[in-house]
Amino acid sequence: MGMSSYIFDGEEKFFDIVADAVKNAEHITEAYAVAEKNKSLVAHWGPGEVEECVDEFWNDFWSKYAGA
């Protein structure tokens, strides 16, 4: 397994964790907390990228209910 494969696998796991956290959170801060606990999976990301990832998942998930 090459280094890029290792990095991509970590990112995929992180995305899955964040997606589940967003679905189960009552407030975005709960999803931030879960992402923060798992940021070692994306250790190569800069300081704002974890928060940006959560924001994107949160907005995507809740945009489906915005018109309801």
PDB file of N, CA and C in Angstrom:
ATOM      1  N   MET A   1       0.852  -1.171   0.000  1.00  0.00           N
ATOM      2  CA  MET A   1       0.000   0.000   0.000  1.00  0.00           C
ATOM      3  C   MET A   1       0.896   1.231   0.000  1.00  0.00           C
ATOM      4  N   GLY A   2       0.672   2.122  -0.962  1.00  0.00           N
ATOM      5  CA  GLY A   2       1.453   3.342  -1.047  1.00  0.00           C
ATOM      6  C   GLY A   2       0.944   4.403  -0.088  1.00  0.00           C
ATOM      7  N   MET A   3       1.727   5.446   0.041  1.00  0.00           N
ATOM      8  CA  MET A   3       1.370   6.534   0.958  1.00  0.00           C
ATOM      9  C   MET A   3       0.085   7.217   0.527  1.00  0.00           C
ATOM     10  N   SER A   4      -0.117   7.416  -0.766  1.00  0.00           N
ATOM     11  CA  SER A   4      -1.337   8.082  -1.216  1.00  0.00           C
ATOM     12  C   SER A   4      -2.566   7.227  -0.913  1.00  0.00           C
ATOM     13  N   SER A   5      -2.436   5.933  -1.020  1.00  0.00           N
ATOM     14  CA  SER A   5      -3.541   5.039  -0.683  1.00  0.00           C
ATOM     15  C   SER A   5      -3.880   5.146   0.801  1.00  0.00           C
ATOM     16  N   TYR A   6      -2.859   5.224   1.630  1.00  0.00           N
ATOM     17  CA  TYR A   6      -3.047   5.368   3.076  1.00  0.00           C
ATOM     18  C   TYR A   6      -3.784   6.672   3.388  1.00  0.00           C
ATOM     19  N   ILE A   7      -3.387   7.752   2.725  1.00  0.00           N
ATOM     20  CA  ILE A   7      -4.019   9.054   2.933  1.00  0.00           C
ATOM     21  C   ILE A   7      -5.470   9.026   2.474  1.00  0.00           C
ATOM     22  N   PHE A   8      -5.718   8.463   1.287  1.00  0.00           N
ATOM     23  CA  PHE A   8      -7.089   8.400   0.771  1.00  0.00           C
ATOM     24  C   PHE A   8      -7.981   7.538   1.649  1.00  0.00           C
ATOM     25  N   ASP A   9      -7.463   6.452   2.165  1.00  0.00           N
ATOM     26  CA  ASP A   9      -8.235   5.595   3.066  1.00  0.00           C
ATOM     27  C   ASP A   9      -8.614   6.346   4.336  1.00  0.00           C
ATOM     28  N   GLY A  10      -7.688   7.115   4.870  1.00  0.00           N
ATOM     29  CA  GLY A  10      -7.968   7.921   6.055  1.00  0.00           C
ATOM     30  C   GLY A  10      -9.030   8.963   5.792  1.00  0.00           C
ATOM     31  N   GLU A  11      -8.946   9.597   4.634  1.00  0.00           N
ATOM     32  CA  GLU A  11      -9.950  10.599   4.276  1.00  0.00           C
ATOM     33  C   GLU A  11     -11.334   9.964   4.134  1.00  0.00           C
ATOM     34  N   GLU A  12     -11.394   8.811   3.476  1.00  0.00           N
ATOM     35  CA  GLU A  12     -12.680   8.129   3.305  1.00  0.00           C
ATOM     36  C   GLU A  12     -13.300   7.760   4.653  1.00  0.00           C
ATOM     37  N   LYS A  13     -12.481   7.251   5.555  1.00  0.00           N
ATOM     38  CA  LYS A  13     -12.974   6.913   6.897  1.00  0.00           C
ATOM     39  C   LYS A  13     -13.470   8.169   7.607  1.00  0.00           C
ATOM     40  N   PHE A  14     -12.718   9.262   7.474  1.00  0.00           N
ATOM     41  CA  PHE A  14     -13.102  10.517   8.093  1.00  0.00           C
ATOM     42  C   PHE A  14     -14.431  11.013   7.527  1.00  0.00           C
ATOM     43  N   PHE A  15     -14.591  10.953   6.208  1.00  0.00           N
ATOM     44  CA  PHE A  15     -15.843  11.386   5.582  1.00  0.00           C
ATOM     45  C   PHE A  15     -17.025  10.561   6.091  1.00  0.00           C
ATOM     46  N   ASP A  16     -16.838   9.264   6.228  1.00  0.00           N
ATOM     47  CA  ASP A  16     -17.899   8.403   6.748  1.00  0.00           C
ATOM     48  C   ASP A  16     -18.263   8.778   8.178  1.00  0.00           C
ATOM     49  N   ILE A  17     -17.258   9.043   8.991  1.00  0.00           N
ATOM     50  CA  ILE A  17     -17.491   9.419  10.385  1.00  0.00           C
ATOM     51  C   ILE A  17     -18.237  10.756  10.461  1.00  0.00           C
ATOM     52  N   VAL A  18     -17.804  11.718   9.659  1.00  0.00           N
ATOM     53  CA  VAL A  18     -18.450  13.032   9.662  1.00  0.00           C
ATOM     54  C   VAL A  18     -19.889  12.924   9.155  1.00  0.00           C
ATOM     55  N   ALA A  19     -20.110  12.153   8.120  1.00  0.00           N
ATOM     56  CA  ALA A  19     -21.470  11.986   7.592  1.00  0.00           C
ATOM     57  C   ALA A  19     -22.395  11.400   8.656  1.00  0.00           C
ATOM     58  N   ASP A  20     -21.931  10.388   9.372  1.00  0.00           N
ATOM     59  CA  ASP A  20     -22.732   9.795  10.447  1.00  0.00           C
ATOM     60  C   ASP A  20     -22.959  10.793  11.578  1.00  0.00           C
ATOM     61  N   ALA A  21     -21.931  11.553  11.907  1.00  0.00           N
ATOM     62  CA  ALA A  21     -22.051  12.541  12.979  1.00  0.00           C
ATOM     63  C   ALA A  21     -23.089  13.600  12.625  1.00  0.00           C
ATOM     64  N   VAL A  22     -23.085  14.045  11.385  1.00  0.00           N
ATOM     65  CA  VAL A  22     -24.049  15.055  10.944  1.00  0.00           C
ATOM     66  C   VAL A  22     -25.471  14.505  11.020  1.00  0.00           C
ATOM     67  N   LYS A  23     -25.660  13.274  10.592  1.00  0.00           N
ATOM     68  CA  LYS A  23     -26.997  12.659  10.615  1.00  0.00           C
ATOM     69  C   LYS A  23     -27.524  12.498  12.030  1.00  0.00           C
ATOM     70  N   ASN A  24     -26.636  12.284  12.992  1.00  0.00           N
ATOM     71  CA  ASN A  24     -27.046  12.019  14.366  1.00  0.00           C
ATOM     72  C   ASN A  24     -26.997  13.240  15.277  1.00  0.00           C
ATOM     73  N   ALA A  25     -26.472  14.346  14.792  1.00  0.00           N
ATOM     74  CA  ALA A  25     -26.306  15.538  15.626  1.00  0.00           C
ATOM     75  C   ALA A  25     -27.571  16.395  15.630  1.00  0.00           C
ATOM     76  N   GLU A  26     -27.842  16.969  16.775  1.00  0.00           N
ATOM     77  CA  GLU A  26     -28.938  17.923  16.877  1.00  0.00           C
ATOM     78  C   GLU A  26     -28.440  19.339  16.600  1.00  0.00           C
ATOM     79  N   HIS A  27     -27.147  19.554  16.733  1.00  0.00           N
ATOM     80  CA  HIS A  27     -26.536  20.851  16.469  1.00  0.00           C
ATOM     81  C   HIS A  27     -25.169  20.614  15.843  1.00  0.00           C
ATOM     82  N   ILE A  28     -24.752  21.510  14.986  1.00  0.00           N
ATOM     83  CA  ILE A  28     -23.492  21.337  14.259  1.00  0.00           C
ATOM     84  C   ILE A  28     -22.283  21.210  15.189  1.00  0.00           C
ATOM     85  N   THR A  29     -22.358  21.794  16.381  1.00  0.00           N
ATOM     86  CA  THR A  29     -21.228  21.696  17.304  1.00  0.00           C
ATOM     87  C   THR A  29     -20.969  20.254  17.721  1.00  0.00           C
ATOM     88  N   GLU A  30     -22.008  19.431  17.750  1.00  0.00           N
ATOM     89  CA  GLU A  30     -21.823  18.012  18.058  1.00  0.00           C
ATOM     90  C   GLU A  30     -21.022  17.329  16.948  1.00  0.00           C
ATOM     91  N   ALA A  31     -21.306  17.679  15.708  1.00  0.00           N
ATOM     92  CA  ALA A  31     -20.570  17.113  14.572  1.00  0.00           C
ATOM     93  C   ALA A  31     -19.118  17.603  14.577  1.00  0.00           C
ATOM     94  N   TYR A  32     -18.905  18.886  14.933  1.00  0.00           N
ATOM     95  CA  TYR A  32     -17.539  19.400  15.051  1.00  0.00           C
ATOM     96  C   TYR A  32     -16.749  18.599  16.085  1.00  0.00           C
ATOM     97  N   ALA A  33     -17.379  18.296  17.208  1.00  0.00           N
ATOM     98  CA  ALA A  33     -16.693  17.559  18.284  1.00  0.00           C
ATOM     99  C   ALA A  33     -16.270  16.170  17.819  1.00  0.00           C
ATOM    100  N   VAL A  34     -17.145  15.484  17.099  1.00  0.00           N
ATOM    101  CA  VAL A  34     -16.819  14.152  16.580  1.00  0.00           C
ATOM    102  C   VAL A  34     -15.671  14.256  15.561  1.00  0.00           C
ATOM    103  N   ALA A  35     -15.745  15.238  14.693  1.00  0.00           N
ATOM    104  CA  ALA A  35     -14.691  15.427  13.692  1.00  0.00           C
ATOM    105  C   ALA A  35     -13.356  15.727  14.368  1.00  0.00           C
ATOM    106  N   GLU A  36     -13.398  16.552  15.379  1.00  0.00           N
ATOM    107  CA  GLU A  36     -12.175  16.924  16.108  1.00  0.00           C
ATOM    108  C   GLU A  36     -11.528  15.695  16.750  1.00  0.00           C
ATOM    109  N   LYS A  37     -12.340  14.784  17.274  1.00  0.00           N
ATOM    110  CA  LYS A  37     -11.817  13.563  17.897  1.00  0.00           C
ATOM    111  C   LYS A  37     -11.161  12.630  16.878  1.00  0.00           C
ATOM    112  N   ASN A  38     -11.558  12.766  15.619  1.00  0.00           N
ATOM    113  CA  ASN A  38     -11.063  11.862  14.576  1.00  0.00           C
ATOM    114  C   ASN A  38     -10.147  12.547  13.562  1.00  0.00           C
ATOM    115  N   LYS A  39      -9.678  13.745  13.874  1.00  0.00           N
ATOM    116  CA  LYS A  39      -8.875  14.481  12.898  1.00  0.00           C
ATOM    117  C   LYS A  39      -7.518  13.842  12.621  1.00  0.00           C
ATOM    118  N   SER A  40      -7.120  12.873  13.438  1.00  0.00           N
ATOM    119  CA  SER A  40      -5.854  12.178  13.162  1.00  0.00           C
ATOM    120  C   SER A  40      -5.922  11.417  11.833  1.00  0.00           C
ATOM    121  N   LEU A  41      -7.130  11.110  11.377  1.00  0.00           N
ATOM    122  CA  LEU A  41      -7.289  10.436  10.084  1.00  0.00           C
ATOM    123  C   LEU A  41      -6.903  11.346   8.917  1.00  0.00           C
ATOM    124  N   VAL A  42      -6.965  12.655   9.166  1.00  0.00           N
ATOM    125  CA  VAL A  42      -6.628  13.637   8.134  1.00  0.00           C
ATOM    126  C   VAL A  42      -5.589  14.606   8.690  1.00  0.00           C
ATOM    127  N   ALA A  43      -4.553  14.045   9.286  1.00  0.00           N
ATOM    128  CA  ALA A  43      -3.519  14.846   9.947  1.00  0.00           C
ATOM    129  C   ALA A  43      -2.823  15.822   8.995  1.00  0.00           C
ATOM    130  N   HIS A  44      -2.880  15.551   7.708  1.00  0.00           N
ATOM    131  CA  HIS A  44      -2.243  16.401   6.702  1.00  0.00           C
ATOM    132  C   HIS A  44      -3.079  17.632   6.357  1.00  0.00           C
ATOM    133  N   TRP A  45      -4.306  17.709   6.867  1.00  0.00           N
ATOM    134  CA  TRP A  45      -5.172  18.855   6.598  1.00  0.00           C
ATOM    135  C   TRP A  45      -4.772  20.039   7.460  1.00  0.00           C
ATOM    136  N   GLY A  46      -5.016  21.230   6.944  1.00  0.00           N
ATOM    137  CA  GLY A  46      -4.764  22.455   7.690  1.00  0.00           C
ATOM    138  C   GLY A  46      -5.840  22.691   8.736  1.00  0.00           C
ATOM    139  N   PRO A  47      -5.656  23.717   9.573  1.00  0.00           N
ATOM    140  CA  PRO A  47      -6.556  23.978  10.714  1.00  0.00           C
ATOM    141  C   PRO A  47      -8.029  24.151  10.351  1.00  0.00           C
ATOM    142  N   GLY A  48      -8.321  24.817   9.252  1.00  0.00           N
ATOM    143  CA  GLY A  48      -9.718  25.085   8.913  1.00  0.00           C
ATOM    144  C   GLY A  48     -10.387  24.011   8.078  1.00  0.00           C
ATOM    145  N   GLU A  49      -9.636  23.069   7.586  1.00  0.00           N
ATOM    146  CA  GLU A  49     -10.191  22.088   6.657  1.00  0.00           C
ATOM    147  C   GLU A  49     -11.155  21.100   7.329  1.00  0.00           C
ATOM    148  N   VAL A  50     -10.896  20.755   8.586  1.00  0.00           N
ATOM    149  CA  VAL A  50     -11.804  19.849   9.300  1.00  0.00           C
ATOM    150  C   VAL A  50     -13.156  20.531   9.479  1.00  0.00           C
ATOM    151  N   GLU A  51     -13.124  21.786   9.921  1.00  0.00           N
ATOM    152  CA  GLU A  51     -14.369  22.535  10.108  1.00  0.00           C
ATOM    153  C   GLU A  51     -15.094  22.737   8.784  1.00  0.00           C
ATOM    154  N   GLU A  52     -14.356  23.025   7.739  1.00  0.00           N
ATOM    155  CA  GLU A  52     -14.949  23.212   6.417  1.00  0.00           C
ATOM    156  C   GLU A  52     -15.622  21.931   5.930  1.00  0.00           C
ATOM    157  N   CYS A  53     -15.006  20.800   6.201  1.00  0.00           N
ATOM    158  CA  CYS A  53     -15.577  19.513   5.824  1.00  0.00           C
ATOM    159  C   CYS A  53     -16.914  19.300   6.536  1.00  0.00           C
ATOM    160  N   VAL A  54     -16.938  19.552   7.841  1.00  0.00           N
ATOM    161  CA  VAL A  54     -18.185  19.398   8.603  1.00  0.00           C
ATOM    162  C   VAL A  54     -19.243  20.343   8.054  1.00  0.00           C
ATOM    163  N   ASP A  55     -18.860  21.579   7.787  1.00  0.00           N
ATOM    164  CA  ASP A  55     -19.805  22.558   7.238  1.00  0.00           C
ATOM    165  C   ASP A  55     -20.428  22.066   5.939  1.00  0.00           C
ATOM    166  N   GLU A  56     -19.600  21.521   5.059  1.00  0.00           N
ATOM    167  CA  GLU A  56     -20.103  21.033   3.771  1.00  0.00           C
ATOM    168  C   GLU A  56     -21.071  19.863   3.949  1.00  0.00           C
ATOM    169  N   PHE A  57     -20.708  18.917   4.806  1.00  0.00           N
ATOM    170  CA  PHE A  57     -21.602  17.784   5.052  1.00  0.00           C
ATOM    171  C   PHE A  57     -22.905  18.260   5.699  1.00  0.00           C
ATOM    172  N   TRP A  58     -22.791  19.185   6.653  1.00  0.00           N
ATOM    173  CA  TRP A  58     -23.971  19.706   7.350  1.00  0.00           C
ATOM    174  C   TRP A  58     -24.910  20.409   6.359  1.00  0.00           C
ATOM    175  N   ASN A  59     -24.356  21.294   5.544  1.00  0.00           N
ATOM    176  CA  ASN A  59     -25.167  22.039   4.579  1.00  0.00           C
ATOM    177  C   ASN A  59     -25.803  21.121   3.547  1.00  0.00           C
ATOM    178  N   ASP A  60     -25.056  20.136   3.094  1.00  0.00           N
ATOM    179  CA  ASP A  60     -25.592  19.185   2.118  1.00  0.00           C
ATOM    180  C   ASP A  60     -26.739  18.379   2.722  1.00  0.00           C
ATOM    181  N   PHE A  61     -26.548  17.894   3.943  1.00  0.00           N
ATOM    182  CA  PHE A  61     -27.574  17.081   4.602  1.00  0.00           C
ATOM    183  C   PHE A  61     -28.842  17.889   4.839  1.00  0.00           C
ATOM    184  N   TRP A  62     -28.714  19.096   5.392  1.00  0.00           N
ATOM    185  CA  TRP A  62     -29.884  19.883   5.759  1.00  0.00           C
ATOM    186  C   TRP A  62     -30.524  20.611   4.582  1.00  0.00           C
ATOM    187  N   SER A  63     -29.826  20.735   3.463  1.00  0.00           N
ATOM    188  CA  SER A  63     -30.422  21.399   2.292  1.00  0.00           C
ATOM    189  C   SER A  63     -31.591  20.580   1.749  1.00  0.00           C
ATOM    190  N   LYS A  64     -31.602  19.292   2.035  1.00  0.00           N
ATOM    191  CA  LYS A  64     -32.691  18.424   1.586  1.00  0.00           C
ATOM    192  C   LYS A  64     -33.990  18.741   2.330  1.00  0.00           C
ATOM    193  N   TYR A  65     -33.870  19.361   3.505  1.00  0.00           N
ATOM    194  CA  TYR A  65     -35.038  19.656   4.335  1.00  0.00           C
ATOM    195  C   TYR A  65     -35.383  21.138   4.360  1.00  0.00           C
ATOM    196  N   ALA A  66     -34.621  21.959   3.651  1.00  0.00           N
ATOM    197  CA  ALA A  66     -34.820  23.401   3.703  1.00  0.00           C
ATOM    198  C   ALA A  66     -36.179  23.823   3.127  1.00  0.00           C
ATOM    199  N   GLY A  67     -36.652  23.103   2.156  1.00  0.00           N
ATOM    200  CA  GLY A  67     -37.928  23.456   1.522  1.00  0.00           C
ATOM    201  C   GLY A  67     -39.129  22.804   2.187  1.00  0.00           C
ATOM    202  N   ALA A  68     -38.874  21.938   3.154  1.00  0.00           N
ATOM    203  CA  ALA A  68     -39.976  21.188   3.782  1.00  0.00           C
ATOM    204  C   ALA A  68     -40.747  22.031   4.761  1.00  0.00           C
TER     205      ALA A  68
END
